[in-house]
Amino acid sequence: MRPTFKIIKKDKKSKARAGIIKTPHGEIETPIFIPVGTQGTVKAVSPRDLKEMGAQIVLANTYHLHLRPGEDLIQKFGGLAKFMGWEDGPHFAKTSRGRPTMTDSGGFQVFSLGVGKMGGGVKFLKEEISNLKYQISNIEEARPRLNKITEEGVTFQSHIDGSSHKLTPESSIKIQEKLGADLIVAFDDLESPKYSFEETKKSLELTNRWELRSKKAHKRKDQLLYGVTHGGPFRDLRELSAKFVDENFDAIGMGGAHLSKKNLYEVVSWTTDIVSDEKPRHLLGIGEVDDIFEIIQRGVDTFDCVIPTRIGRTGFFFVFPPKGTVKNRFRTDIDKPNFRTDPKPLDLNCKCYACQNFSRAYIHHLFRSKELLSYHLLSLHNVRFLINLTKQIRKAILEDKFQNLKKDWIG
């Protein structure tokens, strides 16, 4: 079965839309937040938890799974969904089938985990990329390693054992085909936020060549291949990239460097103004509440981010309005002293397992004691929060109430 996308309803006052992506492993109702399971697991959250909270798809990382445990082993176990227990029924039941999954190309991690060097001698460090709040969410913690970027691809050292590897458009696609995800991403170059217009243009041209090679290498008809737009903060390049990807791919991914929230929203608008309306659009690395409303309003269908589990492991949890606001980023810290004796749940409006069964005082105690259960409960709550939010947004679009819901949340 070839994956397809259909728009069900459009908002009358914006580019927001509700749709359905049909895949061999099930349907995905959009717009939707996709939890990130980098190494075949959403950190501190089980597949059973994800199913109970209504998650429809999980994203994993090609780079990490290639290094460990390897795409051949995952293929032997029936593909990514089966390997990680992301299934409709019990793992060992004959009737059980995997649920929808997505994999990225691995390019972002290869570049962001080390020092990149292009043919023209331009260098950029991990620290430069880390200054971008819209990109840091997908950077895994590791010591910088030397990367070499050439026309052929990227030669890099594993952050695990220092061994040398090469990733090319062809090998990235081959890995993703073996992983067996429903939605996959073409191999692309990551421009530095410090690039000039000419340097960004050179990076974009390399991305275009790599993406065409990715498309040529892709043989599986049951996978939907996303081309990725780039061009940094420059409108001319973003528009050129949007036209290129739209002409060559059936699905639109949006990536690259953004300098601010304003620039992020501009980039999304420039892109969705150009690409075909009937193609699904995915924005890489977005998970802040205000950003979610703004990008959906501009026509984004799916997006992923590690924010809910990452902040959960540091003690932060999302809160609904009116406690949650743009000013406090809809979150608070369980480590605050006033939570020590607080009998209330994390959020009175939440129906997750953590909020239905435990007090803030107990979770505060767990976190102060460095108990693993605290990371699980906070992460579970946060992932469900974003999934529930996007379900509310979808419902509002279907009922012509999107603008009202947005006003209620972010004004």
Protein backbone atom coordinates (compact mmCIF):
# COMPACT_ATOMS: atom_id res chain seq x y z
CA MET A 1 0.00 0.00 0.00
CA ARG A 2 1.29 3.44 -0.94
CA PRO A 3 0.75 6.04 1.83
CA THR A 4 -1.75 8.76 0.94
CA PHE A 5 -2.88 12.07 2.40
CA LYS A 6 -6.34 13.62 2.30
CA ILE A 7 -7.53 16.96 3.66
CA ILE A 8 -10.84 16.65 5.53
CA LYS A 9 -11.46 20.24 6.59
CA LYS A 10 -9.83 23.66 6.21
CA ASP A 11 -10.02 26.59 8.60
CA LYS A 12 -11.85 29.52 7.02
CA LYS A 13 -9.54 32.22 8.40
CA SER A 14 -6.10 30.61 8.08
CA LYS A 15 -4.18 27.81 6.37
CA ALA A 16 -4.89 25.36 9.22
CA ARG A 17 -6.33 22.06 8.04
CA ALA A 18 -7.38 18.67 9.38
CA GLY A 19 -6.50 15.59 7.37
CA ILE A 20 -5.64 11.89 7.36
CA ILE A 21 -2.40 10.18 6.33
CA LYS A 22 -3.13 6.55 5.45
CA THR A 23 -0.19 4.16 5.83
CA PRO A 24 0.26 0.38 5.65
CA HIS A 25 0.29 0.36 9.47
CA GLY A 26 -2.73 2.53 10.12
CA GLU A 27 -4.15 6.02 9.79
CA ILE A 28 -2.70 9.23 11.23
CA GLU A 29 -5.14 12.05 11.95
CA THR A 30 -3.60 15.46 11.40
CA PRO A 31 -2.56 17.88 12.71
CA ILE A 32 -0.65 15.75 15.17
CA PHE A 33 2.38 15.91 17.44
CA ILE A 34 4.78 13.01 16.85
CA PRO A 35 6.68 11.83 19.96
CA VAL A 36 10.38 11.23 19.34
CA GLY A 37 11.72 7.76 20.07
CA THR A 38 15.31 8.46 19.06
CA GLN A 39 16.73 4.99 19.70
CA GLY A 40 13.50 3.06 19.25
CA THR A 41 11.99 4.27 22.51
CA VAL A 42 10.35 7.47 23.72
CA LYS A 43 12.51 8.14 26.78
CA ALA A 44 10.81 7.09 30.04
CA VAL A 45 7.50 6.35 28.26
CA SER A 46 6.43 2.85 27.18
CA PRO A 47 4.59 1.93 23.96
CA ARG A 48 1.63 0.91 26.14
CA ASP A 49 1.57 4.40 27.64
CA LEU A 50 1.71 5.94 24.17
CA LYS A 51 -1.22 3.84 22.98
CA GLU A 52 -3.30 4.69 26.06
CA MET A 53 -2.71 8.44 25.62
CA GLY A 54 -3.69 8.33 21.94
CA ALA A 55 -0.33 8.62 20.18
CA GLN A 56 -0.68 7.63 16.53
CA ILE A 57 2.92 7.57 15.28
CA VAL A 58 6.46 7.62 16.69
CA LEU A 59 9.60 9.07 15.11
CA ALA A 60 13.01 7.38 15.45
CA ASN A 61 16.50 8.40 14.41
CA THR A 62 18.33 6.78 11.51
CA TYR A 63 21.79 7.78 12.76
CA HIS A 64 21.38 6.28 16.23
CA LEU A 65 19.66 3.08 15.11
CA HIS A 66 22.29 2.53 12.42
CA LEU A 67 25.06 2.69 15.02
CA ARG A 68 23.16 0.62 17.57
CA PRO A 69 21.67 -2.00 17.23
CA GLY A 70 21.90 -1.76 13.42
CA GLU A 71 19.27 -1.73 10.70
CA ASP A 72 19.90 -5.37 9.72
CA LEU A 73 18.93 -6.62 13.17
CA ILE A 74 15.82 -4.42 13.24
CA GLN A 75 14.81 -5.69 9.81
CA LYS A 76 15.26 -9.27 11.02
CA PHE A 77 12.76 -8.57 13.82
CA GLY A 78 10.12 -7.34 11.37
CA GLY A 79 10.93 -3.64 11.20
CA LEU A 80 11.06 -0.77 13.65
CA ALA A 81 7.49 -0.90 14.95
CA LYS A 82 7.63 -4.63 15.71
CA PHE A 83 11.12 -4.38 17.18
CA MET A 84 10.11 -1.68 19.68
CA GLY A 85 6.76 -3.24 20.57
CA TRP A 86 4.80 -0.39 18.98
CA GLU A 87 1.97 -2.72 17.90
CA ASP A 88 -1.80 -3.11 17.79
CA GLY A 89 -1.79 -6.21 19.96
CA PRO A 90 0.51 -8.39 22.09
CA HIS A 91 3.98 -8.69 20.58
CA PHE A 92 3.93 -12.46 20.20
CA ALA A 93 0.37 -12.69 18.85
CA LYS A 94 0.23 -13.77 15.21
CA THR A 95 -2.41 -11.14 14.44
CA SER A 96 -0.39 -8.25 15.93
CA ARG A 97 0.88 -5.64 13.48
CA GLY A 98 3.13 -2.64 13.88
CA ARG A 99 1.77 0.89 14.19
CA PRO A 100 2.87 3.85 12.04
CA THR A 101 6.46 5.07 12.40
CA MET A 102 8.63 7.79 10.89
CA THR A 103 12.41 8.03 10.59
CA ASP A 104 14.54 11.07 9.82
CA SER A 105 17.55 10.91 7.48
CA GLY A 106 20.24 10.98 10.18
CA GLY A 107 21.87 14.02 8.59
CA PHE A 108 21.05 16.44 11.38
CA GLN A 109 22.69 14.27 14.04
CA VAL A 110 25.78 13.67 11.91
CA PHE A 111 26.32 17.42 11.53
CA SER A 112 25.24 18.55 14.99
CA LEU A 113 27.26 15.98 16.91
CA GLY A 114 30.58 17.30 15.72
CA VAL A 115 32.60 19.80 13.74
CA GLY A 116 31.46 20.06 10.14
CA LYS A 117 33.81 20.98 7.34
CA MET A 118 32.64 21.64 3.81
CA GLY A 119 34.76 21.73 0.70
CA GLY A 120 35.00 25.51 0.81
CA GLY A 121 36.59 25.42 4.26
CA VAL A 122 33.51 26.66 6.18
CA LYS A 123 33.39 25.24 9.70
CA PHE A 124 30.70 25.20 12.37
CA LEU A 125 30.61 23.86 15.89
CA LYS A 126 27.88 22.12 17.81
CA GLU A 127 27.75 25.17 20.09
CA GLU A 128 26.72 27.39 17.18
CA ILE A 129 23.73 25.19 16.42
CA SER A 130 22.90 24.91 20.11
CA ASN A 131 22.13 28.62 20.17
CA LEU A 132 19.11 27.91 17.99
CA LYS A 133 16.21 27.14 20.31
CA TYR A 134 14.32 25.60 17.38
CA GLN A 135 17.09 23.09 16.66
CA ILE A 136 18.61 22.18 20.03
CA SER A 137 15.70 19.91 20.92
CA ASN A 138 16.97 17.28 18.49
CA ILE A 139 20.66 17.47 19.40
CA GLU A 140 21.75 14.48 21.46
CA GLU A 141 24.35 15.09 24.16
CA ALA A 142 27.75 13.84 23.05
CA ARG A 143 31.34 14.95 22.74
CA PRO A 144 32.09 16.74 19.43
CA ARG A 145 33.60 14.47 16.81
CA LEU A 146 35.21 15.33 13.50
CA ASN A 147 32.90 15.23 10.49
CA LYS A 148 33.89 15.68 6.87
CA ILE A 149 31.24 16.74 4.38
CA THR A 150 31.91 16.11 0.70
CA GLU A 151 29.81 15.79 -2.44
CA GLU A 152 29.51 12.06 -1.81
CA GLY A 153 28.19 12.39 1.74
CA VAL A 154 29.43 12.65 5.33
CA THR A 155 32.26 10.77 6.99
CA PHE A 156 31.95 10.86 10.77
CA GLN A 157 33.08 9.23 13.98
CA SER A 158 30.59 7.37 16.15
CA HIS A 159 29.83 9.10 19.43
CA ILE A 160 29.68 5.62 20.98
CA ASP A 161 33.11 4.18 20.24
CA GLY A 162 34.86 6.58 17.86
CA SER A 163 34.63 4.20 14.89
CA SER A 164 34.54 5.74 11.44
CA HIS A 165 31.35 5.68 9.35
CA LYS A 166 30.04 7.20 6.14
CA LEU A 167 26.50 8.32 5.48
CA THR A 168 25.38 9.14 1.95
CA PRO A 169 21.96 9.79 0.40
CA GLU A 170 21.95 6.21 -0.85
CA SER A 171 22.96 4.62 2.45
CA SER A 172 20.53 6.79 4.45
CA ILE A 173 17.65 5.61 2.28
CA LYS A 174 18.83 2.00 2.42
CA ILE A 175 18.92 2.17 6.21
CA GLN A 176 15.43 3.69 6.37
CA GLU A 177 14.07 1.06 4.01
CA LYS A 178 15.42 -1.68 6.26
CA LEU A 179 14.00 0.05 9.34
CA GLY A 180 10.65 -0.12 7.55
CA ALA A 181 9.11 3.20 8.66
CA ASP A 182 5.99 4.44 6.89
CA LEU A 183 7.28 8.01 6.56
CA ILE A 184 10.96 8.62 5.76
CA VAL A 185 13.12 11.66 5.01
CA ALA A 186 15.58 12.46 2.22
CA PHE A 187 19.23 13.08 3.16
CA ASP A 188 19.98 16.79 3.49
CA ASP A 189 22.73 19.21 4.50
CA LEU A 190 22.36 21.35 7.61
CA GLU A 191 23.26 24.99 7.08
CA SER A 192 24.91 26.89 9.91
CA PRO A 193 23.00 29.87 11.35
CA LYS A 194 26.19 31.88 10.77
CA TYR A 195 26.33 31.21 7.04
CA SER A 196 26.17 34.14 4.65
CA PHE A 197 23.67 34.15 1.80
CA GLU A 198 26.25 32.63 -0.57
CA GLU A 199 27.29 29.95 1.92
CA THR A 200 23.65 29.06 2.59
CA LYS A 201 23.00 28.91 -1.17
CA LYS A 202 25.92 26.51 -1.58
CA SER A 203 24.56 24.31 1.21
CA LEU A 204 21.09 24.35 -0.34
CA GLU A 205 22.46 23.31 -3.73
CA LEU A 206 24.23 20.37 -2.07
CA THR A 207 20.98 19.45 -0.31
CA ASN A 208 19.12 19.51 -3.62
CA ARG A 209 21.62 17.14 -5.21
CA TRP A 210 21.54 14.84 -2.20
CA GLU A 211 17.74 14.80 -2.14
CA LEU A 212 17.55 13.85 -5.82
CA ARG A 213 19.95 11.00 -5.12
CA SER A 214 17.77 9.98 -2.18
CA LYS A 215 14.73 9.90 -4.41
CA LYS A 216 16.53 7.80 -7.02
CA ALA A 217 17.72 5.35 -4.35
CA HIS A 218 14.27 4.93 -2.81
CA LYS A 219 12.63 1.70 -4.04
CA ARG A 220 9.94 0.82 -1.48
CA LYS A 221 6.48 1.92 -2.61
CA ASP A 222 4.96 1.45 0.85
CA GLN A 223 6.97 4.36 2.26
CA LEU A 224 6.25 8.07 1.82
CA LEU A 225 9.48 9.99 1.15
CA TYR A 226 9.68 13.59 2.40
CA GLY A 227 11.91 16.10 0.68
CA VAL A 228 13.22 18.75 3.09
CA THR A 229 13.28 22.50 2.45
CA HIS A 230 16.26 24.61 3.51
CA GLY A 231 17.64 28.08 2.88
CA GLY A 232 18.31 29.47 6.34
CA PRO A 233 16.60 32.78 7.12
CA PHE A 234 16.69 33.95 3.49
CA ARG A 235 13.33 34.25 1.73
CA ASP A 236 14.72 33.89 -1.80
CA LEU A 237 16.44 30.63 -0.93
CA ARG A 238 13.48 29.32 1.06
CA GLU A 239 11.16 29.91 -1.88
CA LEU A 240 13.58 28.26 -4.30
CA SER A 241 13.83 25.29 -1.97
CA ALA A 242 10.06 25.04 -1.56
CA LYS A 243 9.59 24.96 -5.35
CA PHE A 244 12.31 22.34 -5.75
CA VAL A 245 10.93 20.00 -3.09
CA ASP A 246 7.37 20.44 -4.32
CA GLU A 247 8.38 19.54 -7.88
CA ASN A 248 10.25 16.42 -6.84
CA PHE A 249 8.53 14.93 -3.77
CA ASP A 250 5.06 13.85 -2.67
CA ALA A 251 5.57 15.08 0.90
CA ILE A 252 7.09 18.28 2.26
CA GLY A 253 9.51 18.44 5.19
CA MET A 254 10.71 21.75 6.61
CA GLY A 255 14.13 21.98 8.25
CA GLY A 256 17.24 24.10 8.58
CA ALA A 257 18.22 27.12 10.63
CA HIS A 258 15.81 29.74 12.02
CA LEU A 259 17.04 32.83 13.83
CA SER A 260 13.95 33.60 15.94
CA LYS A 261 10.29 32.76 16.41
CA LYS A 262 9.41 35.49 13.93
CA ASN A 263 11.77 34.01 11.36
CA LEU A 264 10.45 30.49 12.02
CA TYR A 265 6.90 31.62 11.30
CA GLU A 266 8.06 33.50 8.21
CA VAL A 267 9.85 30.42 6.88
CA VAL A 268 6.75 28.28 7.37
CA SER A 269 4.56 30.87 5.62
CA TRP A 270 6.97 31.29 2.71
CA THR A 271 7.01 27.51 2.26
CA THR A 272 3.31 26.74 2.59
CA ASP A 273 2.45 29.63 0.25
CA ILE A 274 4.30 27.77 -2.51
CA VAL A 275 4.01 24.00 -2.02
CA SER A 276 1.02 22.03 -3.29
CA ASP A 277 -1.95 22.09 -0.96
CA GLU A 278 -2.64 18.37 -1.23
CA LYS A 279 0.76 17.25 0.04
CA PRO A 280 1.41 16.54 3.75
CA ARG A 281 3.80 18.95 5.51
CA HIS A 282 6.09 18.06 8.40
CA LEU A 283 8.08 20.57 10.48
CA LEU A 284 11.14 19.14 12.19
CA GLY A 285 11.89 19.89 15.84
CA ILE A 286 8.95 21.99 17.10
CA GLY A 287 7.21 21.43 20.46
CA GLU A 288 6.48 24.73 22.23
CA VAL A 289 2.76 25.46 22.73
CA ASP A 290 2.70 28.88 21.05
CA ASP A 291 4.77 27.55 18.14
CA ILE A 292 2.33 24.68 17.68
CA PHE A 293 -0.62 27.04 17.23
CA GLU A 294 1.34 29.32 14.91
CA ILE A 295 2.68 26.60 12.61
CA ILE A 296 -0.67 24.80 12.38
CA GLN A 297 -2.28 28.13 11.51
CA ARG A 298 0.27 28.38 8.69
CA GLY A 299 -0.57 24.95 7.27
CA VAL A 300 1.71 22.42 9.00
CA ASP A 301 0.23 18.94 9.44
CA THR A 302 2.75 17.05 11.57
CA PHE A 303 5.72 17.97 13.75
CA ASP A 304 8.07 16.28 16.19
CA CYS A 305 10.16 17.28 19.19
CA VAL A 306 11.96 15.80 22.20
CA ILE A 307 10.89 18.70 24.45
CA PRO A 308 8.20 16.85 26.50
CA THR A 309 10.52 14.08 27.67
CA ARG A 310 13.63 16.24 27.91
CA ILE A 311 12.01 18.82 30.21
CA GLY A 312 10.30 15.99 32.11
CA ARG A 313 13.68 14.54 33.03
CA THR A 314 14.73 17.94 34.38
CA GLY A 315 11.62 18.35 36.54
CA PHE A 316 9.41 20.55 34.37
CA PHE A 317 5.83 19.75 33.43
CA PHE A 318 3.26 21.38 31.17
CA VAL A 319 0.22 23.14 32.65
CA PHE A 320 -3.03 24.17 31.01
CA PRO A 321 -4.35 27.74 30.96
CA PRO A 322 -4.90 29.85 33.01
CA LYS A 323 -1.88 28.64 35.00
CA GLY A 324 -0.05 28.00 31.77
CA THR A 325 0.72 31.08 29.67
CA VAL A 326 3.03 32.12 26.87
CA LYS A 327 5.09 33.97 29.49
CA ASN A 328 5.85 30.83 31.53
CA ARG A 329 5.91 28.67 28.37
CA PHE A 330 2.98 26.63 29.75
CA ARG A 331 5.27 24.86 32.21
CA THR A 332 6.38 24.87 35.82
CA ASP A 333 9.02 23.09 37.93
CA ILE A 334 8.13 20.22 40.27
CA ASP A 335 11.29 21.02 42.24
CA LYS A 336 9.76 24.21 43.67
CA PRO A 337 9.60 24.13 47.49
CA ASN A 338 5.88 24.95 47.56
CA PHE A 339 5.10 21.60 45.90
CA ARG A 340 6.52 19.69 48.87
CA THR A 341 3.12 19.52 50.61
CA ASP A 342 0.82 20.14 47.62
CA PRO A 343 -1.95 17.49 47.46
CA LYS A 344 -3.15 18.47 43.97
CA PRO A 345 -2.26 16.61 40.75
CA LEU A 346 0.25 18.06 38.30
CA ASP A 347 -2.70 19.67 36.48
CA LEU A 348 -6.38 19.59 37.44
CA ASN A 349 -7.40 19.52 33.75
CA CYS A 350 -5.30 16.50 32.81
CA LYS A 351 -6.53 12.89 32.66
CA CYS A 352 -3.15 11.21 32.31
CA TYR A 353 -2.06 8.37 34.61
CA ALA A 354 0.24 10.67 36.59
CA CYS A 355 -2.45 13.27 37.23
CA GLN A 356 -5.12 10.72 38.07
CA ASN A 357 -3.04 8.82 40.62
CA PHE A 358 -0.33 10.95 42.21
CA SER A 359 0.02 14.27 44.02
CA ARG A 360 2.50 17.01 43.30
CA ALA A 361 3.93 16.35 46.78
CA TYR A 362 4.68 12.72 45.93
CA ILE A 363 6.23 13.50 42.53
CA HIS A 364 8.21 16.34 44.15
CA HIS A 365 9.53 13.78 46.67
CA LEU A 366 10.42 11.34 43.88
CA PHE A 367 12.24 14.00 41.91
CA ARG A 368 14.16 15.29 44.93
CA SER A 369 15.13 11.68 45.69
CA LYS A 370 16.23 11.14 42.07
CA GLU A 371 13.81 8.23 41.73
CA LEU A 372 13.34 7.04 38.15
CA LEU A 373 9.57 7.01 38.57
CA SER A 374 9.57 10.82 38.66
CA TYR A 375 11.09 10.98 35.16
CA HIS A 376 8.49 8.53 33.91
CA LEU A 377 5.49 10.34 35.40
CA LEU A 378 6.60 13.82 34.31
CA SER A 379 7.50 12.65 30.79
CA LEU A 380 4.26 10.72 30.42
CA HIS A 381 2.26 13.80 31.47
CA ASN A 382 4.16 16.06 29.06
CA VAL A 383 3.83 13.81 26.02
CA ARG A 384 0.12 13.35 26.65
CA PHE A 385 -0.25 17.12 27.09
CA LEU A 386 1.03 17.82 23.56
CA ILE A 387 -0.90 14.94 22.01
CA ASN A 388 -4.08 16.09 23.72
CA LEU A 389 -3.45 19.69 22.65
CA THR A 390 -3.16 18.78 18.99
CA LYS A 391 -6.28 16.64 19.25
CA GLN A 392 -8.11 19.68 20.62
CA ILE A 393 -6.78 21.75 17.74
CA ARG A 394 -7.93 19.16 15.18
CA LYS A 395 -11.39 19.06 16.73
CA ALA A 396 -11.53 22.86 16.68
CA ILE A 397 -10.62 22.95 12.99
CA LEU A 398 -13.35 20.42 12.20
CA GLU A 399 -15.87 22.54 14.13
CA ASP A 400 -14.70 25.92 12.73
CA LYS A 401 -13.46 26.97 16.18
CA PHE A 402 -9.70 27.04 15.65
CA GLN A 403 -9.36 30.81 16.04
CA ASN A 404 -11.34 30.72 19.29
CA LEU A 405 -9.17 27.94 20.71
CA LYS A 406 -5.98 29.75 19.73
CA LYS A 407 -7.22 32.91 21.44
CA ASP A 408 -8.05 30.95 24.60
CA TRP A 409 -4.52 29.59 24.76
CA ILE A 410 -2.14 32.23 23.44
CA GLY A 411 -4.31 35.29 22.83
